PDB file of N, CA and C in Angstrom:
ATOM      1  N   GLU A   1      14.127   8.732  -1.045  1.00  0.00           N
ATOM      2  CA  GLU A   1      13.220   8.333  -0.158  1.00  0.00           C
ATOM      3  C   GLU A   1      11.863   8.535  -0.759  1.00  0.00           C
ATOM      4  N   MET A   2      11.017   7.508  -0.963  1.00  0.00           N
ATOM      5  CA  MET A   2       9.859   7.323  -1.531  1.00  0.00           C
ATOM      6  C   MET A   2       8.728   7.404  -0.508  1.00  0.00           C
ATOM      7  N   THR A   3       7.991   8.723  -0.238  1.00  0.00           N
ATOM      8  CA  THR A   3       6.937   8.577   0.644  1.00  0.00           C
ATOM      9  C   THR A   3       5.582   8.248  -0.086  1.00  0.00           C
ATOM     10  N   VAL A   4       5.422   8.207  -1.255  1.00  0.00           N
ATOM     11  CA  VAL A   4       4.148   7.881  -1.995  1.00  0.00           C
ATOM     12  C   VAL A   4       3.646   6.678  -1.462  1.00  0.00           C
ATOM     13  N   SER A   5       4.517   5.597  -1.062  1.00  0.00           N
ATOM     14  CA  SER A   5       4.023   4.258  -0.586  1.00  0.00           C
ATOM     15  C   SER A   5       3.457   4.413   0.818  1.00  0.00           C
ATOM     16  N   ASN A   6       3.570   5.504   1.602  1.00  0.00           N
ATOM     17  CA  ASN A   6       2.847   5.791   2.729  1.00  0.00           C
ATOM     18  C   ASN A   6       1.301   5.846   2.571  1.00  0.00           C
ATOM     19  N   TYR A   7       0.919   6.310   1.321  1.00  0.00           N
ATOM     20  CA  TYR A   7      -0.458   6.700   1.126  1.00  0.00           C
ATOM     21  C   TYR A   7      -1.225   5.530   0.333  1.00  0.00           C
ATOM     22  N   SER A   8      -0.505   4.921  -0.455  1.00  0.00           N
ATOM     23  CA  SER A   8      -1.152   3.860  -1.397  1.00  0.00           C
ATOM     24  C   SER A   8       0.098   2.778  -1.698  1.00  0.00           C
ATOM     25  N   ILE A   9      -0.294   1.652  -2.204  1.00  0.00           N
ATOM     26  CA  ILE A   9       0.805   0.746  -2.823  1.00  0.00           C
ATOM     27  C   ILE A   9       0.965   1.132  -4.313  1.00  0.00           C
ATOM     28  N   PRO A  10       2.106   1.426  -4.598  1.00  0.00           N
ATOM     29  CA  PRO A  10       2.454   1.858  -5.984  1.00  0.00           C
ATOM     30  C   PRO A  10       2.156   0.528  -6.922  1.00  0.00           C
ATOM     31  N   THR A  11       1.822   0.857  -8.102  1.00  0.00           N
ATOM     32  CA  THR A  11       1.592  -0.288  -9.206  1.00  0.00           C
ATOM     33  C   THR A  11       2.977  -0.637  -9.549  1.00  0.00           C
ATOM     34  N   PRO A  12       3.027  -1.935 -10.086  1.00  0.00           N
ATOM     35  CA  PRO A  12       4.360  -2.316 -10.793  1.00  0.00           C
ATOM     36  C   PRO A  12       4.934  -1.387 -11.799  1.00  0.00           C
ATOM     37  N   GLU A  13       3.926  -0.819 -12.544  1.00  0.00           N
ATOM     38  CA  GLU A  13       4.361   0.101 -13.756  1.00  0.00           C
ATOM     39  C   GLU A  13       4.942   1.404 -13.073  1.00  0.00           C
ATOM     40  N   GLN A  14       4.361   1.935 -11.971  1.00  0.00           N
ATOM     41  CA  GLN A  14       5.006   3.094 -11.419  1.00  0.00           C
ATOM     42  C   GLN A  14       6.457   2.869 -10.909  1.00  0.00           C
ATOM     43  N   THR A  15       6.478   1.622 -10.083  1.00  0.00           N
ATOM     44  CA  THR A  15       7.843   1.367  -9.627  1.00  0.00           C
ATOM     45  C   THR A  15       8.830   1.204 -10.747  1.00  0.00           C
ATOM     46  N   GLN A  16       8.459   0.476 -11.856  1.00  0.00           N
ATOM     47  CA  GLN A  16       9.286   0.251 -13.011  1.00  0.00           C
ATOM     48  C   GLN A  16       9.750   1.710 -13.584  1.00  0.00           C
ATOM     49  N   GLY A  17       8.703   2.525 -13.563  1.00  0.00           N
ATOM     50  CA  GLY A  17       9.172   3.966 -14.030  1.00  0.00           C
ATOM     51  C   GLY A  17      10.232   4.636 -13.183  1.00  0.00           C
ATOM     52  N   TRP A  18      10.017   4.445 -11.890  1.00  0.00           N
ATOM     53  CA  TRP A  18      11.181   4.971 -11.003  1.00  0.00           C
ATOM     54  C   TRP A  18      12.357   4.433 -11.205  1.00  0.00           C
ATOM     55  N   VAL A  19      12.492   3.076 -11.486  1.00  0.00           N
ATOM     56  CA  VAL A  19      13.803   2.469 -11.749  1.00  0.00           C
ATOM     57  C   VAL A  19      14.319   2.963 -13.200  1.00  0.00           C
ATOM     58  N   ASP A  20      13.484   2.948 -14.052  1.00  0.00           N
ATOM     59  CA  ASP A  20      14.003   3.517 -15.392  1.00  0.00           C
ATOM     60  C   ASP A  20      14.524   4.789 -15.425  1.00  0.00           C
ATOM     61  N   SER A  21      13.908   5.837 -14.615  1.00  0.00           N
ATOM     62  CA  SER A  21      14.277   7.242 -14.541  1.00  0.00           C
ATOM     63  C   SER A  21      15.589   7.412 -13.816  1.00  0.00           C
ATOM     64  N   ALA A  22      15.867   6.392 -12.829  1.00  0.00           N
ATOM     65  CA  ALA A  22      16.984   6.688 -11.845  1.00  0.00           C
ATOM     66  C   ALA A  22      18.345   6.351 -12.581  1.00  0.00           C
ATOM     67  N   PRO A  23      19.378   7.044 -11.858  1.00  0.00           N
ATOM     68  CA  PRO A  23      20.772   6.673 -12.543  1.00  0.00           C
ATOM     69  C   PRO A  23      20.983   5.352 -12.002  1.00  0.00           C
ATOM     70  N   LYS A  24      21.905   4.605 -12.775  1.00  0.00           N
ATOM     71  CA  LYS A  24      22.363   3.249 -12.481  1.00  0.00           C
ATOM     72  C   LYS A  24      22.974   3.265 -10.833  1.00  0.00           C
ATOM     73  N   GLY A  25      22.576   2.241 -10.120  1.00  0.00           N
ATOM     74  CA  GLY A  25      23.116   2.327  -8.719  1.00  0.00           C
ATOM     75  C   GLY A  25      22.430   2.971  -7.826  1.00  0.00           C
ATOM     76  N   PHE A  26      21.312   3.744  -8.174  1.00  0.00           N
ATOM     77  CA  PHE A  26      20.590   4.601  -7.270  1.00  0.00           C
ATOM     78  C   PHE A  26      19.948   3.686  -6.230  1.00  0.00           C
ATOM     79  N   LEU A  27      19.914   4.224  -4.987  1.00  0.00           N
ATOM     80  CA  LEU A  27      19.317   3.383  -4.022  1.00  0.00           C
ATOM     81  C   LEU A  27      17.953   3.935  -3.562  1.00  0.00           C
ATOM     82  N   PHE A  28      16.920   3.240  -3.619  1.00  0.00           N
ATOM     83  CA  PHE A  28      15.564   3.763  -3.130  1.00  0.00           C
ATOM     84  C   PHE A  28      15.345   3.507  -1.693  1.00  0.00           C
ATOM     85  N   HIS A  29      14.772   4.375  -0.988  1.00  0.00           N
ATOM     86  CA  HIS A  29      14.206   3.957   0.144  1.00  0.00           C
ATOM     87  C   HIS A  29      12.664   4.033   0.233  1.00  0.00           C
ATOM     88  N   ILE A  30      11.962   3.007   0.206  1.00  0.00           N
ATOM     89  CA  ILE A  30      10.560   2.779   0.101  1.00  0.00           C
ATOM     90  C   ILE A  30       9.976   2.785   1.352  1.00  0.00           C
ATOM     91  N   LYS A  31       9.169   3.661   1.808  1.00  0.00           N
ATOM     92  CA  LYS A  31       8.425   3.682   2.992  1.00  0.00           C
ATOM     93  C   LYS A  31       7.379   2.754   3.025  1.00  0.00           C
ATOM     94  N   LEU A  32       7.033   2.116   4.229  1.00  0.00           N
ATOM     95  CA  LEU A  32       6.000   1.155   4.425  1.00  0.00           C
ATOM     96  C   LEU A  32       4.597   1.853   4.396  1.00  0.00           C
ATOM     97  N   LEU A  33       3.706   1.139   3.823  1.00  0.00           N
ATOM     98  CA  LEU A  33       2.308   1.534   3.797  1.00  0.00           C
ATOM     99  C   LEU A  33       1.907   2.040   4.989  1.00  0.00           C
ATOM    100  N   GLY A  34       1.108   3.100   5.018  1.00  0.00           N
ATOM    101  CA  GLY A  34       0.760   3.827   6.313  1.00  0.00           C
ATOM    102  C   GLY A  34      -0.226   2.918   7.131  1.00  0.00           C
ATOM    103  N   LEU A  35      -0.897   2.077   6.657  1.00  0.00           N
ATOM    104  CA  LEU A  35      -1.671   1.160   7.299  1.00  0.00           C
ATOM    105  C   LEU A  35      -0.814   0.335   8.283  1.00  0.00           C
ATOM    106  N   PHE A  36       0.364  -0.050   7.868  1.00  0.00           N
ATOM    107  CA  PHE A  36       1.130  -0.804   8.751  1.00  0.00           C
ATOM    108  C   PHE A  36       2.133  -0.067   9.646  1.00  0.00           C
ATOM    109  N   ALA A  37       2.499   1.281   9.129  1.00  0.00           N
ATOM    110  CA  ALA A  37       3.456   2.156   9.730  1.00  0.00           C
ATOM    111  C   ALA A  37       2.646   2.870  11.001  1.00  0.00           C
ATOM    112  N   PHE A  38       1.461   3.230  10.653  1.00  0.00           N
ATOM    113  CA  PHE A  38       0.819   4.186  11.461  1.00  0.00           C
ATOM    114  C   PHE A  38      -0.588   3.665  12.208  1.00  0.00           C
ATOM    115  N   GLY A  39      -0.922   2.397  11.621  1.00  0.00           N
ATOM    116  CA  GLY A  39      -2.133   1.736  12.168  1.00  0.00           C
ATOM    117  C   GLY A  39      -3.513   2.129  11.358  1.00  0.00           C
ATOM    118  N   GLN A  40      -3.473   3.032  10.485  1.00  0.00           N
ATOM    119  CA  GLN A  40      -4.755   3.484   9.826  1.00  0.00           C
ATOM    120  C   GLN A  40      -4.361   4.065   8.511  1.00  0.00           C
ATOM    121  N   ILE A  41      -5.447   3.989   7.564  1.00  0.00           N
ATOM    122  CA  ILE A  41      -5.207   4.510   6.402  1.00  0.00           C
ATOM    123  C   ILE A  41      -6.546   4.881   5.723  1.00  0.00           C
ATOM    124  N   GLU A  42      -6.584   5.838   4.908  1.00  0.00           N
ATOM    125  CA  GLU A  42      -7.898   5.928   4.163  1.00  0.00           C
ATOM    126  C   GLU A  42      -8.367   4.744   3.335  1.00  0.00           C
ATOM    127  N   ALA A  43      -9.524   4.341   3.382  1.00  0.00           N
ATOM    128  CA  ALA A  43     -10.037   3.009   2.715  1.00  0.00           C
ATOM    129  C   ALA A  43      -9.720   3.184   1.239  1.00  0.00           C
ATOM    130  N   VAL A  44      -9.971   4.283   0.650  1.00  0.00           N
ATOM    131  CA  VAL A  44      -9.600   4.351  -0.834  1.00  0.00           C
ATOM    132  C   VAL A  44      -8.143   4.104  -1.126  1.00  0.00           C
ATOM    133  N   SER A  45      -7.284   4.152  -0.146  1.00  0.00           N
ATOM    134  CA  SER A  45      -5.912   3.864  -0.478  1.00  0.00           C
ATOM    135  C   SER A  45      -5.624   2.226  -0.408  1.00  0.00           C
ATOM    136  N   LEU A  46      -6.571   1.419   0.090  1.00  0.00           N
ATOM    137  CA  LEU A  46      -6.427  -0.003   0.035  1.00  0.00           C
ATOM    138  C   LEU A  46      -6.436  -0.474  -1.299  1.00  0.00           C
ATOM    139  N   PRO A  47      -5.769  -1.640  -1.588  1.00  0.00           N
ATOM    140  CA  PRO A  47      -5.938  -2.075  -2.893  1.00  0.00           C
ATOM    141  C   PRO A  47      -7.402  -2.585  -3.151  1.00  0.00           C
ATOM    142  N   PRO A  48      -7.741  -2.536  -4.532  1.00  0.00           N
ATOM    143  CA  PRO A  48      -9.204  -3.013  -4.700  1.00  0.00           C
ATOM    144  C   PRO A  48      -9.603  -4.260  -4.205  1.00  0.00           C
ATOM    145  N   ALA A  49      -8.707  -5.337  -4.269  1.00  0.00           N
ATOM    146  CA  ALA A  49      -9.135  -6.625  -3.747  1.00  0.00           C
ATOM    147  C   ALA A  49      -9.321  -6.487  -2.255  1.00  0.00           C
ATOM    148  N   ALA A  50      -8.663  -5.880  -1.471  1.00  0.00           N
ATOM    149  CA  ALA A  50      -8.884  -5.646  -0.001  1.00  0.00           C
ATOM    150  C   ALA A  50     -10.093  -4.872   0.292  1.00  0.00           C
ATOM    151  N   ARG A  51     -10.300  -3.718  -0.545  1.00  0.00           N
ATOM    152  CA  ARG A  51     -11.601  -2.833  -0.268  1.00  0.00           C
ATOM    153  C   ARG A  51     -12.659  -3.753  -0.531  1.00  0.00           C
ATOM    154  N   ALA A  52     -12.670  -4.555  -1.473  1.00  0.00           N
ATOM    155  CA  ALA A  52     -13.906  -5.446  -1.742  1.00  0.00           C
ATOM    156  C   ALA A  52     -14.195  -6.259  -0.486  1.00  0.00           C
ATOM    157  N   LEU A  53     -13.389  -6.517   0.209  1.00  0.00           N
ATOM    158  CA  LEU A  53     -13.559  -7.564   1.496  1.00  0.00           C
ATOM    159  C   LEU A  53     -14.086  -6.776   2.570  1.00  0.00           C
ATOM    160  N   LEU A  54     -14.021  -5.454   2.562  1.00  0.00           N
ATOM    161  CA  LEU A  54     -14.727  -4.692   3.630  1.00  0.00           C
ATOM    162  C   LEU A  54     -16.102  -4.858   3.770  1.00  0.00           C
ATOM    163  N   PRO A  55     -16.640  -5.032   5.049  1.00  0.00           N
ATOM    164  CA  PRO A  55     -17.982  -5.176   5.244  1.00  0.00           C
ATOM    165  C   PRO A  55     -18.904  -3.982   5.064  1.00  0.00           C
ATOM    166  N   GLU A  56     -18.293  -2.868   5.074  1.00  0.00           N
ATOM    167  CA  GLU A  56     -18.842  -1.556   4.653  1.00  0.00           C
ATOM    168  C   GLU A  56     -17.998  -0.685   4.003  1.00  0.00           C
ATOM    169  N   SER A  57     -18.241   0.604   3.888  1.00  0.00           N
ATOM    170  CA  SER A  57     -17.471   1.562   3.004  1.00  0.00           C
ATOM    171  C   SER A  57     -17.007   2.626   3.917  1.00  0.00           C
ATOM    172  N   PRO A  58     -15.963   2.505   4.900  1.00  0.00           N
ATOM    173  CA  PRO A  58     -15.665   3.450   5.782  1.00  0.00           C
ATOM    174  C   PRO A  58     -14.661   4.446   5.071  1.00  0.00           C
ATOM    175  N   SER A  59     -14.520   5.631   5.623  1.00  0.00           N
ATOM    176  CA  SER A  59     -13.591   6.583   5.030  1.00  0.00           C
ATOM    177  C   SER A  59     -12.142   6.257   5.518  1.00  0.00           C
ATOM    178  N   GLN A  60     -12.019   5.779   6.676  1.00  0.00           N
ATOM    179  CA  GLN A  60     -10.797   5.339   7.361  1.00  0.00           C
ATOM    180  C   GLN A  60     -10.753   3.924   7.804  1.00  0.00           C
ATOM    181  N   VAL A  61      -9.759   3.180   7.629  1.00  0.00           N
ATOM    182  CA  VAL A  61      -9.643   1.824   8.323  1.00  0.00           C
ATOM    183  C   VAL A  61      -8.656   1.724   9.401  1.00  0.00           C
ATOM    184  N   GLN A  62      -8.741   1.128  10.261  1.00  0.00           N
ATOM    185  CA  GLN A  62      -7.848   0.749  11.427  1.00  0.00           C
ATOM    186  C   GLN A  62      -7.236  -0.588  11.290  1.00  0.00           C
ATOM    187  N   LEU A  63      -5.937  -0.668  11.394  1.00  0.00           N
ATOM    188  CA  LEU A  63      -5.257  -1.996  11.215  1.00  0.00           C
ATOM    189  C   LEU A  63      -5.896  -3.003  12.298  1.00  0.00           C
ATOM    190  N   ALA A  64      -6.079  -2.558  13.321  1.00  0.00           N
ATOM    191  CA  ALA A  64      -6.604  -3.546  14.393  1.00  0.00           C
ATOM    192  C   ALA A  64      -7.989  -4.078  14.110  1.00  0.00           C
ATOM    193  N   ASP A  65      -8.759  -3.493  13.212  1.00  0.00           N
ATOM    194  CA  ASP A  65     -10.161  -3.855  13.079  1.00  0.00           C
ATOM    195  C   ASP A  65     -10.140  -4.520  11.743  1.00  0.00           C
ATOM    196  N   LEU A  66      -9.213  -4.885  10.961  1.00  0.00           N
ATOM    197  CA  LEU A  66      -9.156  -5.518   9.759  1.00  0.00           C
ATOM    198  C   LEU A  66      -9.069  -7.001   9.918  1.00  0.00           C
ATOM    199  N   SER A  67      -9.827  -7.684   9.219  1.00  0.00           N
ATOM    200  CA  SER A  67      -9.718  -9.372   9.205  1.00  0.00           C
ATOM    201  C   SER A  67      -8.445  -9.802   8.554  1.00  0.00           C
ATOM    202  N   SER A  68      -8.094 -10.986   8.984  1.00  0.00           N
ATOM    203  CA  SER A  68      -6.876 -11.461   8.449  1.00  0.00           C
ATOM    204  C   SER A  68      -6.963 -11.703   6.841  1.00  0.00           C
ATOM    205  N   GLU A  69      -8.255 -11.905   6.290  1.00  0.00           N
ATOM    206  CA  GLU A  69      -8.471 -12.056   4.832  1.00  0.00           C
ATOM    207  C   GLU A  69      -8.164 -10.570   4.247  1.00  0.00           C
ATOM    208  N   VAL A  70      -8.478  -9.600   4.812  1.00  0.00           N
ATOM    209  CA  VAL A  70      -8.317  -8.176   4.210  1.00  0.00           C
ATOM    210  C   VAL A  70      -6.782  -8.036   4.356  1.00  0.00           C
ATOM    211  N   LEU A  71      -6.194  -8.300   5.422  1.00  0.00           N
ATOM    212  CA  LEU A  71      -4.631  -8.002   5.651  1.00  0.00           C
ATOM    213  C   LEU A  71      -3.881  -8.936   4.524  1.00  0.00           C
ATOM    214  N   ASP A  72      -4.256 -10.151   4.292  1.00  0.00           N
ATOM    215  CA  ASP A  72      -3.555 -11.008   3.277  1.00  0.00           C
ATOM    216  C   ASP A  72      -3.694 -10.286   1.885  1.00  0.00           C
ATOM    217  N   ALA A  73      -4.888  -9.720   1.735  1.00  0.00           N
ATOM    218  CA  ALA A  73      -5.021  -9.063   0.398  1.00  0.00           C
ATOM    219  C   ALA A  73      -4.067  -7.843   0.316  1.00  0.00           C
ATOM    220  N   VAL A  74      -4.015  -7.105   1.240  1.00  0.00           N
ATOM    221  CA  VAL A  74      -3.117  -6.045   1.380  1.00  0.00           C
ATOM    222  C   VAL A  74      -1.641  -6.398   1.256  1.00  0.00           C
ATOM    223  N   TRP A  75      -1.252  -7.363   1.799  1.00  0.00           N
ATOM    224  CA  TRP A  75       0.148  -7.860   1.775  1.00  0.00           C
ATOM    225  C   TRP A  75       0.421  -8.509   0.394  1.00  0.00           C
ATOM    226  N   GLY A  76      -0.616  -9.205  -0.158  1.00  0.00           N
ATOM    227  CA  GLY A  76      -0.610  -9.736  -1.330  1.00  0.00           C
ATOM    228  C   GLY A  76      -0.123  -8.621  -2.458  1.00  0.00           C
ATOM    229  N   ALA A  77      -0.958  -7.440  -2.312  1.00  0.00           N
ATOM    230  CA  ALA A  77      -0.636  -6.427  -3.403  1.00  0.00           C
ATOM    231  C   ALA A  77       0.649  -5.749  -3.107  1.00  0.00           C
ATOM    232  N   TRP A  78       1.087  -5.665  -1.777  1.00  0.00           N
ATOM    233  CA  TRP A  78       2.458  -5.036  -1.410  1.00  0.00           C
ATOM    234  C   TRP A  78       3.634  -5.885  -2.061  1.00  0.00           C
ATOM    235  N   HIS A  79       3.345  -7.178  -1.990  1.00  0.00           N
ATOM    236  CA  HIS A  79       4.501  -8.121  -2.360  1.00  0.00           C
ATOM    237  C   HIS A  79       4.485  -8.596  -3.843  1.00  0.00           C
ATOM    238  N   ARG A  80       3.592  -7.945  -4.609  1.00  0.00           N
ATOM    239  CA  ARG A  80       3.522  -8.495  -6.211  1.00  0.00           C
ATOM    240  C   ARG A  80       4.784  -7.878  -6.839  1.00  0.00           C
TER     241      ARG A  80
END
């Protein structure tokens, strides 16, 4: 079970490192980003493209308060 993804979106290099270090056939359980699981997250945990779209620099962001443009940037980073 990978809980690191609760706090920020792992980079492709990080996830490849996990794959490379795991035994063949190992099944990962990747948790959903906390923003979507809990409705909030620290702003610094958002991908840079999403942070750049925020109108201010809050310490925490609430899912319900984010524009569709910011959410698209977060989903884009999650699905790369």
